[in-house]
């Protein structure tokens, strides 16, 4: 069991840098939930969701998306992207038709496709970030998208 001093140090780091490093054996993984609001322009251009951490890799546990300020129109999908085997992959693709205002889309549910055979929930490459982006045309009407991730950070 980690000492209180270690836990306080981890919490301080998380608060100051908005990231989380695990304690001791991070191979077990400490689930972390992170919510970030992206503007329409950020999603259309692509934006960082979780920064690359030297010596660590991310593994998705769950993801949600919410359209804020109106329904998402004209785009294809809002994507959570990561890297595995040196190739970019879509961990979750949230469909435009399902991104109606205030509707919560959940990974693997209606309008929120994940990779076959559970591949969305396997570890990504070490030292790589997780991003949000889009497939298809640029989105319009909605003002923001909230992305909520539950994930673990694993030591390489």
Foldseek 3Di string as FASTA:
>chain_A
DDDPVVVVVQVVCCVVPVDGDDPDALQVFDKDKDKDKFFLVCQAVKDFDFAADAQKWKFFDKKKKAFAQFQKPDFAWKFKWAAAPNDIDTQKTAGSVQRGHGDIDIDPDPRIDGDPPCPSGDIHDHRITIMIYGHGDRIDRGGIMMMMTIMTMGGD
